[in-house]
Every structure is written in C-alpha cells, then in structure tokens.
Amino acid sequence: MCPKTVLAVDASPEMVRTAVTCRIAAHHFPDPEAFVDEVARILRPGGPLAFEDNVSPDDPDLEATLNRLEKLRDPTHVHSHRTGTWVGWLEARGFDLEEVVHFKKRLDFSHWIEAQSLEADRRADVTGVAVDPDDEDAASERGDDRAYHVDGLEADRPDER
C-alpha cells in the first residue's frame, strides 16, 4: 500500500468514514501530524482508527541509529516515531486510545536487506551501521553465533560474503 493512499481519502468536507486503517506505512509519511489531522477530520465521531507501524525506542541514541539504518536501507523511509509521540498526536486530536500493544519482531538480516535490492556499496553501508564488531561477546554470551545487536535491536547476522 502506498503511504499516500491513506492521505488521499476523499478530501471533500462532507465525506465521513466509518473506520480508518493504516498498517506499516506511517514511517514513510513526510508529515505524520497532517495524517492524524486528516484522520480526525474524516472519521465519524467514535469511529475506530486501527493503526500499526514501526516505532522507535525511547532512547534518543537508539532512535537516531534505527532511523539512520532504515534510511540507508530504504530511501523512502522518513522516520519511525516513538510510541509516546504517536499517543500525544492522537490524544491532542481527541482520540481515546483503547489499547497500545508492542510486538517485537526478530529480523533475518539477509532477507531484510535483500528486500530493497541494494547495490553493493549501499549494502556495505547498512551492514557497517548494523554490525557492531564490539558486540561479538554479547552474541557469544547468549550462545547465538548468528545473532548480534544493533544498538539494542536484535537481528540475524548477514551471511559472510
């Protein structure tokens, strides 16, 4: 789904939607607050918004590293915001949040990076940010010689090439 699809819902003032969904797209939006404004405008009072997206950790350094890594891998990535930021935007526009659920997903590095068909130099840049050579001990301690941490994010080590 193109991120603009959600924003391109009929913009006529009389159009009201009974429900709005947005799944794993908002980190591509150049102005996520405009998205929240538009949803608040077109969604009928009491109507549900089902929203799912990647979020950043609360730690500013981890947030910066995650977004840097994602932008290197996917040039369409804009920013993965923190959960608290999304909650603030939604509540400021009158949404009552019923539930906030976090899911951790373990990524296979090679599949994750291959999803973008990166050129060799860009793949090397992404791998250089992702693979922390000082974190080899942490992987050994976990007994997992294929896992490594990306500043607190877990993924599978890329195959040696």
N, C-alpha and C. Protein backbone atom coordinates (compact mmCIF):
# COMPACT_ATOMS: atom_id res chain seq x y z
N MET A 1 0.84 -1.17 0.00
CA MET A 1 0.00 0.00 0.00
C MET A 1 0.88 1.24 0.00
N CYS A 2 0.61 2.14 -0.88
CA CYS A 2 1.34 3.39 -0.92
C CYS A 2 0.94 4.25 0.27
N PRO A 3 1.91 4.81 1.00
CA PRO A 3 1.56 5.62 2.16
C PRO A 3 0.57 6.74 1.83
N LYS A 4 0.63 7.28 0.64
CA LYS A 4 -0.26 8.38 0.29
C LYS A 4 -1.71 7.93 0.12
N THR A 5 -1.94 6.63 -0.02
CA THR A 5 -3.29 6.13 -0.18
C THR A 5 -4.16 6.53 1.01
N VAL A 6 -3.61 6.42 2.20
CA VAL A 6 -4.38 6.78 3.40
C VAL A 6 -4.67 8.27 3.40
N LEU A 7 -3.71 9.08 2.99
CA LEU A 7 -3.89 10.53 2.99
C LEU A 7 -4.78 10.99 1.85
N ALA A 8 -4.93 10.18 0.82
CA ALA A 8 -5.67 10.59 -0.36
C ALA A 8 -7.15 10.23 -0.30
N VAL A 9 -7.62 9.82 0.86
CA VAL A 9 -9.05 9.54 1.02
C VAL A 9 -9.81 10.79 0.63
N ASP A 10 -10.95 10.63 -0.01
CA ASP A 10 -11.76 11.74 -0.50
C ASP A 10 -11.69 12.94 0.44
N ALA A 11 -11.20 14.04 -0.07
CA ALA A 11 -10.96 15.22 0.75
C ALA A 11 -12.17 16.15 0.84
N SER A 12 -13.30 15.74 0.27
CA SER A 12 -14.46 16.62 0.33
C SER A 12 -14.93 16.79 1.77
N PRO A 13 -15.33 18.00 2.16
CA PRO A 13 -15.71 18.25 3.55
C PRO A 13 -16.87 17.40 4.05
N GLU A 14 -17.75 16.97 3.15
CA GLU A 14 -18.91 16.20 3.58
C GLU A 14 -18.63 14.70 3.70
N MET A 15 -17.47 14.25 3.25
CA MET A 15 -17.15 12.82 3.30
C MET A 15 -16.76 12.42 4.71
N VAL A 16 -17.41 11.38 5.21
CA VAL A 16 -17.11 10.84 6.54
C VAL A 16 -16.88 9.35 6.40
N ARG A 17 -15.87 8.85 7.06
CA ARG A 17 -15.55 7.42 7.03
C ARG A 17 -15.96 6.78 8.35
N THR A 18 -16.44 5.54 8.25
CA THR A 18 -16.84 4.84 9.47
C THR A 18 -15.65 4.23 10.19
N ALA A 19 -14.55 3.97 9.47
CA ALA A 19 -13.33 3.42 10.07
C ALA A 19 -12.14 3.80 9.19
N VAL A 20 -10.99 3.90 9.81
CA VAL A 20 -9.76 4.18 9.08
C VAL A 20 -8.70 3.19 9.56
N THR A 21 -7.93 2.66 8.61
CA THR A 21 -6.81 1.79 8.96
C THR A 21 -5.54 2.33 8.33
N CYS A 22 -4.44 2.07 8.99
CA CYS A 22 -3.13 2.44 8.46
C CYS A 22 -2.14 1.38 8.99
N ARG A 23 -1.59 0.60 8.09
CA ARG A 23 -0.74 -0.51 8.51
C ARG A 23 0.66 -0.40 7.91
N ILE A 24 1.62 -0.23 8.78
CA ILE A 24 3.05 -0.21 8.45
C ILE A 24 3.34 0.71 7.26
N ALA A 25 2.90 1.94 7.38
CA ALA A 25 3.12 2.92 6.33
C ALA A 25 3.57 4.27 6.88
N ALA A 26 3.16 4.61 8.08
CA ALA A 26 3.34 5.98 8.60
C ALA A 26 4.80 6.40 8.72
N HIS A 27 5.72 5.46 8.82
CA HIS A 27 7.14 5.85 8.88
C HIS A 27 7.63 6.38 7.53
N HIS A 28 6.79 6.32 6.52
CA HIS A 28 7.10 6.91 5.22
C HIS A 28 6.45 8.29 5.03
N PHE A 29 5.60 8.70 5.94
CA PHE A 29 4.88 9.97 5.79
C PHE A 29 5.79 11.16 6.09
N PRO A 30 5.85 12.13 5.18
CA PRO A 30 6.67 13.31 5.45
C PRO A 30 6.09 14.20 6.55
N ASP A 31 4.78 14.12 6.77
CA ASP A 31 4.13 14.95 7.79
C ASP A 31 3.10 14.10 8.53
N PRO A 32 3.54 13.30 9.50
CA PRO A 32 2.60 12.40 10.17
C PRO A 32 1.52 13.14 10.96
N GLU A 33 1.79 14.34 11.41
CA GLU A 33 0.74 15.10 12.11
C GLU A 33 -0.37 15.50 11.15
N ALA A 34 -0.03 15.76 9.89
CA ALA A 34 -1.06 16.06 8.89
C ALA A 34 -1.93 14.82 8.66
N PHE A 35 -1.32 13.64 8.69
CA PHE A 35 -2.08 12.40 8.59
C PHE A 35 -3.08 12.30 9.74
N VAL A 36 -2.63 12.54 10.97
CA VAL A 36 -3.52 12.45 12.13
C VAL A 36 -4.63 13.50 12.02
N ASP A 37 -4.29 14.70 11.56
CA ASP A 37 -5.31 15.74 11.36
C ASP A 37 -6.36 15.27 10.36
N GLU A 38 -5.92 14.68 9.26
CA GLU A 38 -6.85 14.24 8.22
C GLU A 38 -7.74 13.11 8.72
N VAL A 39 -7.16 12.18 9.47
CA VAL A 39 -7.97 11.09 10.02
C VAL A 39 -9.01 11.67 10.98
N ALA A 40 -8.61 12.60 11.82
CA ALA A 40 -9.56 13.21 12.77
C ALA A 40 -10.67 13.95 12.01
N ARG A 41 -10.33 14.53 10.87
CA ARG A 41 -11.32 15.27 10.08
C ARG A 41 -12.33 14.34 9.42
N ILE A 42 -11.88 13.22 8.86
CA ILE A 42 -12.78 12.40 8.05
C ILE A 42 -13.45 11.26 8.81
N LEU A 43 -12.96 10.93 9.99
CA LEU A 43 -13.50 9.80 10.73
C LEU A 43 -14.73 10.23 11.52
N ARG A 44 -15.80 9.46 11.38
CA ARG A 44 -17.03 9.81 12.10
C ARG A 44 -16.74 9.80 13.61
N PRO A 45 -17.44 10.60 14.38
CA PRO A 45 -17.25 10.59 15.83
C PRO A 45 -17.42 9.17 16.40
N GLY A 46 -16.47 8.75 17.19
CA GLY A 46 -16.49 7.41 17.77
C GLY A 46 -16.00 6.32 16.84
N GLY A 47 -15.66 6.68 15.60
CA GLY A 47 -15.19 5.68 14.63
C GLY A 47 -13.80 5.19 14.98
N PRO A 48 -13.51 3.92 14.67
CA PRO A 48 -12.21 3.35 15.03
C PRO A 48 -11.10 3.68 14.03
N LEU A 49 -9.94 3.91 14.58
CA LEU A 49 -8.70 4.01 13.81
C LEU A 49 -7.85 2.81 14.22
N ALA A 50 -7.56 1.93 13.28
CA ALA A 50 -6.66 0.81 13.52
C ALA A 50 -5.31 1.20 12.91
N PHE A 51 -4.30 1.32 13.74
CA PHE A 51 -3.01 1.86 13.34
C PHE A 51 -1.90 0.90 13.75
N GLU A 52 -1.01 0.61 12.83
CA GLU A 52 0.16 -0.22 13.13
C GLU A 52 1.34 0.35 12.37
N ASP A 53 2.45 0.52 13.08
CA ASP A 53 3.67 0.97 12.41
C ASP A 53 4.88 0.63 13.25
N ASN A 54 6.03 0.72 12.63
CA ASN A 54 7.28 0.57 13.35
C ASN A 54 7.45 1.79 14.25
N VAL A 55 7.94 1.57 15.46
CA VAL A 55 8.18 2.68 16.37
C VAL A 55 9.62 2.65 16.84
N SER A 56 10.10 3.81 17.24
CA SER A 56 11.46 3.94 17.75
C SER A 56 11.47 3.71 19.25
N PRO A 57 12.62 3.27 19.76
CA PRO A 57 12.77 3.19 21.22
C PRO A 57 12.76 4.58 21.83
N ASP A 58 12.52 4.66 23.12
CA ASP A 58 12.51 5.96 23.80
C ASP A 58 13.89 6.58 23.92
N ASP A 59 14.92 5.79 23.85
CA ASP A 59 16.29 6.29 23.94
C ASP A 59 16.64 7.07 22.67
N PRO A 60 17.01 8.36 22.78
CA PRO A 60 17.28 9.17 21.59
C PRO A 60 18.41 8.63 20.71
N ASP A 61 19.44 8.04 21.32
CA ASP A 61 20.53 7.49 20.53
C ASP A 61 20.07 6.26 19.74
N LEU A 62 19.27 5.42 20.37
CA LEU A 62 18.73 4.26 19.66
C LEU A 62 17.77 4.69 18.55
N GLU A 63 16.97 5.70 18.85
CA GLU A 63 16.05 6.22 17.84
C GLU A 63 16.83 6.72 16.62
N ALA A 64 17.89 7.47 16.87
CA ALA A 64 18.70 8.01 15.77
C ALA A 64 19.36 6.89 14.97
N THR A 65 19.88 5.88 15.66
CA THR A 65 20.53 4.77 14.98
C THR A 65 19.53 3.97 14.15
N LEU A 66 18.39 3.68 14.72
CA LEU A 66 17.36 2.93 13.99
C LEU A 66 16.96 3.68 12.73
N ASN A 67 16.68 4.97 12.83
CA ASN A 67 16.24 5.72 11.66
C ASN A 67 17.36 5.89 10.63
N ARG A 68 18.59 6.03 11.09
CA ARG A 68 19.72 6.11 10.16
C ARG A 68 19.84 4.80 9.38
N LEU A 69 19.75 3.69 10.09
CA LEU A 69 19.83 2.38 9.46
C LEU A 69 18.70 2.17 8.46
N GLU A 70 17.49 2.52 8.85
CA GLU A 70 16.34 2.35 7.95
C GLU A 70 16.45 3.24 6.72
N LYS A 71 16.93 4.48 6.88
CA LYS A 71 17.08 5.38 5.72
C LYS A 71 18.16 4.89 4.77
N LEU A 72 19.23 4.31 5.32
CA LEU A 72 20.26 3.74 4.46
C LEU A 72 19.71 2.58 3.64
N ARG A 73 18.91 1.75 4.29
CA ARG A 73 18.37 0.57 3.62
C ARG A 73 17.23 0.93 2.67
N ASP A 74 16.38 1.87 3.08
CA ASP A 74 15.18 2.19 2.32
C ASP A 74 15.06 3.71 2.18
N PRO A 75 15.38 4.25 1.02
CA PRO A 75 15.35 5.70 0.85
C PRO A 75 13.97 6.33 1.01
N THR A 76 12.90 5.51 0.99
CA THR A 76 11.56 6.07 1.19
C THR A 76 11.21 6.22 2.67
N HIS A 77 12.06 5.68 3.55
CA HIS A 77 11.83 5.80 5.00
C HIS A 77 12.04 7.25 5.41
N VAL A 78 11.09 7.79 6.19
CA VAL A 78 11.23 9.15 6.70
C VAL A 78 11.64 9.11 8.17
N HIS A 79 10.79 8.53 9.02
CA HIS A 79 11.12 8.49 10.45
C HIS A 79 10.16 7.54 11.18
N SER A 80 10.72 6.67 11.99
CA SER A 80 9.91 5.87 12.90
C SER A 80 9.85 6.65 14.21
N HIS A 81 8.66 7.08 14.57
CA HIS A 81 8.48 7.89 15.78
C HIS A 81 8.28 7.01 17.00
N ARG A 82 8.45 7.58 18.16
CA ARG A 82 8.24 6.87 19.41
C ARG A 82 6.75 6.69 19.65
N THR A 83 6.40 5.65 20.39
CA THR A 83 5.00 5.41 20.74
C THR A 83 4.41 6.63 21.43
N GLY A 84 5.13 7.20 22.38
CA GLY A 84 4.63 8.37 23.11
C GLY A 84 4.32 9.55 22.20
N THR A 85 5.08 9.70 21.14
CA THR A 85 4.83 10.78 20.18
C THR A 85 3.51 10.55 19.48
N TRP A 86 3.29 9.32 19.00
CA TRP A 86 2.02 8.99 18.35
C TRP A 86 0.85 9.16 19.31
N VAL A 87 1.00 8.68 20.53
CA VAL A 87 -0.07 8.81 21.52
C VAL A 87 -0.40 10.28 21.75
N GLY A 88 0.62 11.11 21.87
CA GLY A 88 0.41 12.54 22.06
C GLY A 88 -0.34 13.18 20.90
N TRP A 89 0.07 12.85 19.67
CA TRP A 89 -0.60 13.41 18.49
C TRP A 89 -2.06 12.99 18.45
N LEU A 90 -2.32 11.71 18.70
CA LEU A 90 -3.69 11.21 18.63
C LEU A 90 -4.56 11.79 19.74
N GLU A 91 -4.06 11.80 20.96
CA GLU A 91 -4.85 12.33 22.08
C GLU A 91 -5.11 13.83 21.92
N ALA A 92 -4.15 14.56 21.36
CA ALA A 92 -4.33 16.00 21.14
C ALA A 92 -5.46 16.29 20.16
N ARG A 93 -5.79 15.31 19.31
CA ARG A 93 -6.87 15.48 18.33
C ARG A 93 -8.14 14.78 18.77
N GLY A 94 -8.21 14.41 20.05
CA GLY A 94 -9.44 13.88 20.61
C GLY A 94 -9.64 12.39 20.53
N PHE A 95 -8.62 11.64 20.10
CA PHE A 95 -8.76 10.18 20.06
C PHE A 95 -8.60 9.61 21.46
N ASP A 96 -9.46 8.64 21.80
CA ASP A 96 -9.33 7.89 23.04
C ASP A 96 -8.69 6.55 22.69
N LEU A 97 -7.49 6.33 23.18
CA LEU A 97 -6.81 5.08 22.87
C LEU A 97 -7.34 3.97 23.74
N GLU A 98 -7.79 2.91 23.11
CA GLU A 98 -8.29 1.75 23.84
C GLU A 98 -7.15 0.83 24.23
N GLU A 99 -6.16 0.72 23.36
CA GLU A 99 -5.09 -0.24 23.61
C GLU A 99 -3.86 0.15 22.81
N VAL A 100 -2.70 0.02 23.42
CA VAL A 100 -1.42 0.16 22.73
C VAL A 100 -0.68 -1.15 22.98
N VAL A 101 -0.32 -1.82 21.91
CA VAL A 101 0.35 -3.12 22.02
C VAL A 101 1.66 -3.03 21.25
N HIS A 102 2.71 -3.53 21.86
CA HIS A 102 4.01 -3.61 21.18
C HIS A 102 4.32 -5.06 20.86
N PHE A 103 4.81 -5.28 19.66
CA PHE A 103 5.28 -6.58 19.25
C PHE A 103 6.74 -6.42 18.86
N LYS A 104 7.57 -7.31 19.34
CA LYS A 104 8.96 -7.33 18.91
C LYS A 104 9.07 -8.33 17.77
N LYS A 105 9.72 -7.93 16.73
CA LYS A 105 9.92 -8.87 15.64
C LYS A 105 11.41 -9.06 15.41
N ARG A 106 11.78 -10.29 15.29
CA ARG A 106 13.17 -10.64 15.03
C ARG A 106 13.34 -10.70 13.52
N LEU A 107 14.31 -9.98 13.03
CA LEU A 107 14.52 -9.89 11.59
C LEU A 107 15.68 -10.76 11.13
N ASP A 108 15.49 -11.43 10.03
CA ASP A 108 16.59 -12.10 9.37
C ASP A 108 17.29 -11.04 8.53
N PHE A 109 18.51 -10.72 8.89
CA PHE A 109 19.22 -9.59 8.27
C PHE A 109 19.27 -9.73 6.75
N SER A 110 19.64 -10.92 6.26
CA SER A 110 19.79 -11.05 4.81
C SER A 110 18.47 -10.84 4.08
N HIS A 111 17.37 -11.35 4.62
CA HIS A 111 16.07 -11.11 3.98
C HIS A 111 15.68 -9.64 4.08
N TRP A 112 15.93 -9.05 5.24
CA TRP A 112 15.58 -7.64 5.47
C TRP A 112 16.33 -6.73 4.50
N ILE A 113 17.61 -6.98 4.33
CA ILE A 113 18.41 -6.11 3.46
C ILE A 113 18.15 -6.41 1.99
N GLU A 114 17.88 -7.68 1.66
CA GLU A 114 17.62 -8.05 0.26
C GLU A 114 16.27 -7.53 -0.22
N ALA A 115 15.37 -7.21 0.69
CA ALA A 115 14.05 -6.71 0.30
C ALA A 115 14.16 -5.40 -0.49
N GLN A 116 15.28 -4.72 -0.38
CA GLN A 116 15.46 -3.45 -1.08
C GLN A 116 16.35 -3.56 -2.32
N SER A 117 16.92 -4.75 -2.60
CA SER A 117 17.81 -4.93 -3.76
C SER A 117 18.88 -3.84 -3.80
N LEU A 118 19.61 -3.73 -2.73
CA LEU A 118 20.61 -2.68 -2.61
C LEU A 118 21.86 -2.96 -3.44
N GLU A 119 22.46 -1.89 -3.93
CA GLU A 119 23.75 -2.00 -4.60
C GLU A 119 24.78 -2.39 -3.54
N ALA A 120 25.89 -2.95 -3.97
CA ALA A 120 26.91 -3.47 -3.06
C ALA A 120 27.42 -2.41 -2.08
N ASP A 121 27.67 -1.19 -2.57
CA ASP A 121 28.20 -0.15 -1.67
C ASP A 121 27.18 0.27 -0.61
N ARG A 122 25.92 0.34 -0.99
CA ARG A 122 24.89 0.70 -0.01
C ARG A 122 24.67 -0.44 0.98
N ARG A 123 24.71 -1.67 0.51
CA ARG A 123 24.61 -2.84 1.39
C ARG A 123 25.75 -2.80 2.41
N ALA A 124 26.94 -2.46 1.97
CA ALA A 124 28.09 -2.36 2.88
C ALA A 124 27.87 -1.25 3.91
N ASP A 125 27.30 -0.13 3.49
CA ASP A 125 27.00 0.96 4.43
C ASP A 125 26.01 0.52 5.49
N VAL A 126 24.95 -0.17 5.07
CA VAL A 126 23.94 -0.65 6.02
C VAL A 126 24.56 -1.66 6.98
N THR A 127 25.32 -2.58 6.43
CA THR A 127 25.95 -3.60 7.26
C THR A 127 26.93 -2.96 8.23
N GLY A 128 27.63 -1.93 7.78
CA GLY A 128 28.58 -1.24 8.66
C GLY A 128 27.91 -0.59 9.85
N VAL A 129 26.71 -0.07 9.66
CA VAL A 129 25.96 0.52 10.77
C VAL A 129 25.38 -0.58 11.65
N ALA A 130 24.92 -1.66 11.03
CA ALA A 130 24.21 -2.71 11.77
C ALA A 130 25.14 -3.60 12.58
N VAL A 131 26.28 -3.95 12.02
CA VAL A 131 27.15 -4.90 12.69
C VAL A 131 28.14 -4.15 13.56
N ASP A 132 28.02 -4.37 14.84
CA ASP A 132 28.91 -3.75 15.82
C ASP A 132 29.97 -4.77 16.20
N PRO A 133 31.20 -4.62 15.71
CA PRO A 133 32.22 -5.64 15.99
C PRO A 133 32.53 -5.77 17.48
N ASP A 134 32.24 -4.76 18.26
CA ASP A 134 32.48 -4.82 19.71
C ASP A 134 31.42 -5.64 20.42
N ASP A 135 30.36 -6.02 19.73
CA ASP A 135 29.26 -6.73 20.38
C ASP A 135 29.34 -8.24 20.16
N GLU A 136 30.43 -8.74 19.63
CA GLU A 136 30.57 -10.18 19.42
C GLU A 136 30.47 -10.94 20.73
N ASP A 137 31.00 -10.37 21.81
CA ASP A 137 30.95 -11.05 23.11
C ASP A 137 29.51 -11.26 23.56
N ALA A 138 28.65 -10.27 23.33
CA ALA A 138 27.25 -10.39 23.75
C ALA A 138 26.59 -11.55 23.02
N ALA A 139 26.89 -11.72 21.74
CA ALA A 139 26.31 -12.84 20.98
C ALA A 139 26.83 -14.16 21.53
N SER A 140 28.10 -14.22 21.85
CA SER A 140 28.67 -15.45 22.39
C SER A 140 28.05 -15.78 23.74
N GLU A 141 27.86 -14.77 24.58
CA GLU A 141 27.25 -14.99 25.89
C GLU A 141 25.84 -15.55 25.76
N ARG A 142 25.12 -15.13 24.73
CA ARG A 142 23.77 -15.64 24.51
C ARG A 142 23.81 -17.02 23.88
N GLY A 143 25.01 -17.44 23.45
CA GLY A 143 25.13 -18.74 22.80
C GLY A 143 24.58 -18.72 21.39
N ASP A 144 24.53 -17.55 20.79
CA ASP A 144 23.95 -17.41 19.47
C ASP A 144 24.99 -16.80 18.55
N ASP A 145 25.63 -17.63 17.74
CA ASP A 145 26.70 -17.09 16.91
C ASP A 145 26.16 -16.43 15.64
N ARG A 146 24.85 -16.46 15.43
CA ARG A 146 24.28 -15.79 14.27
C ARG A 146 23.57 -14.49 14.64
N ALA A 147 23.42 -14.23 15.92
CA ALA A 147 22.68 -13.03 16.32
C ALA A 147 23.65 -11.94 16.73
N TYR A 148 23.25 -10.74 16.57
CA TYR A 148 24.00 -9.60 17.06
C TYR A 148 23.02 -8.50 17.38
N HIS A 149 23.47 -7.52 18.13
CA HIS A 149 22.62 -6.39 18.49
C HIS A 149 22.98 -5.19 17.63
N VAL A 150 21.98 -4.47 17.23
CA VAL A 150 22.16 -3.19 16.56
C VAL A 150 21.75 -2.15 17.58
N ASP A 151 22.70 -1.73 18.38
CA ASP A 151 22.41 -0.76 19.44
C ASP A 151 21.11 -1.09 20.16
N GLY A 152 20.95 -2.33 20.53
CA GLY A 152 19.77 -2.73 21.29
C GLY A 152 18.69 -3.39 20.46
N LEU A 153 18.81 -3.38 19.16
CA LEU A 153 17.86 -4.05 18.28
C LEU A 153 18.47 -5.38 17.87
N GLU A 154 17.71 -6.43 17.89
CA GLU A 154 18.25 -7.73 17.51
C GLU A 154 17.95 -8.05 16.06
N ALA A 155 18.90 -8.71 15.42
CA ALA A 155 18.71 -9.18 14.05
C ALA A 155 19.62 -10.37 13.85
N ASP A 156 19.53 -11.01 12.69
CA ASP A 156 20.44 -12.10 12.37
C ASP A 156 21.63 -11.54 11.62
N ARG A 157 22.77 -12.10 11.89
CA ARG A 157 23.99 -11.67 11.23
C ARG A 157 23.91 -11.97 9.74
N PRO A 158 24.38 -11.04 8.91
CA PRO A 158 24.39 -11.32 7.47
C PRO A 158 25.38 -12.46 7.17
N ASP A 159 25.07 -13.22 6.13
CA ASP A 159 25.99 -14.27 5.74
C ASP A 159 27.30 -13.65 5.32
N GLU A 160 28.38 -14.32 5.64
CA GLU A 160 29.70 -13.84 5.22
C GLU A 160 29.75 -13.93 3.70
N ARG A 161 30.20 -12.90 3.06
CA ARG A 161 30.24 -12.88 1.58
C ARG A 161 31.65 -12.65 1.13
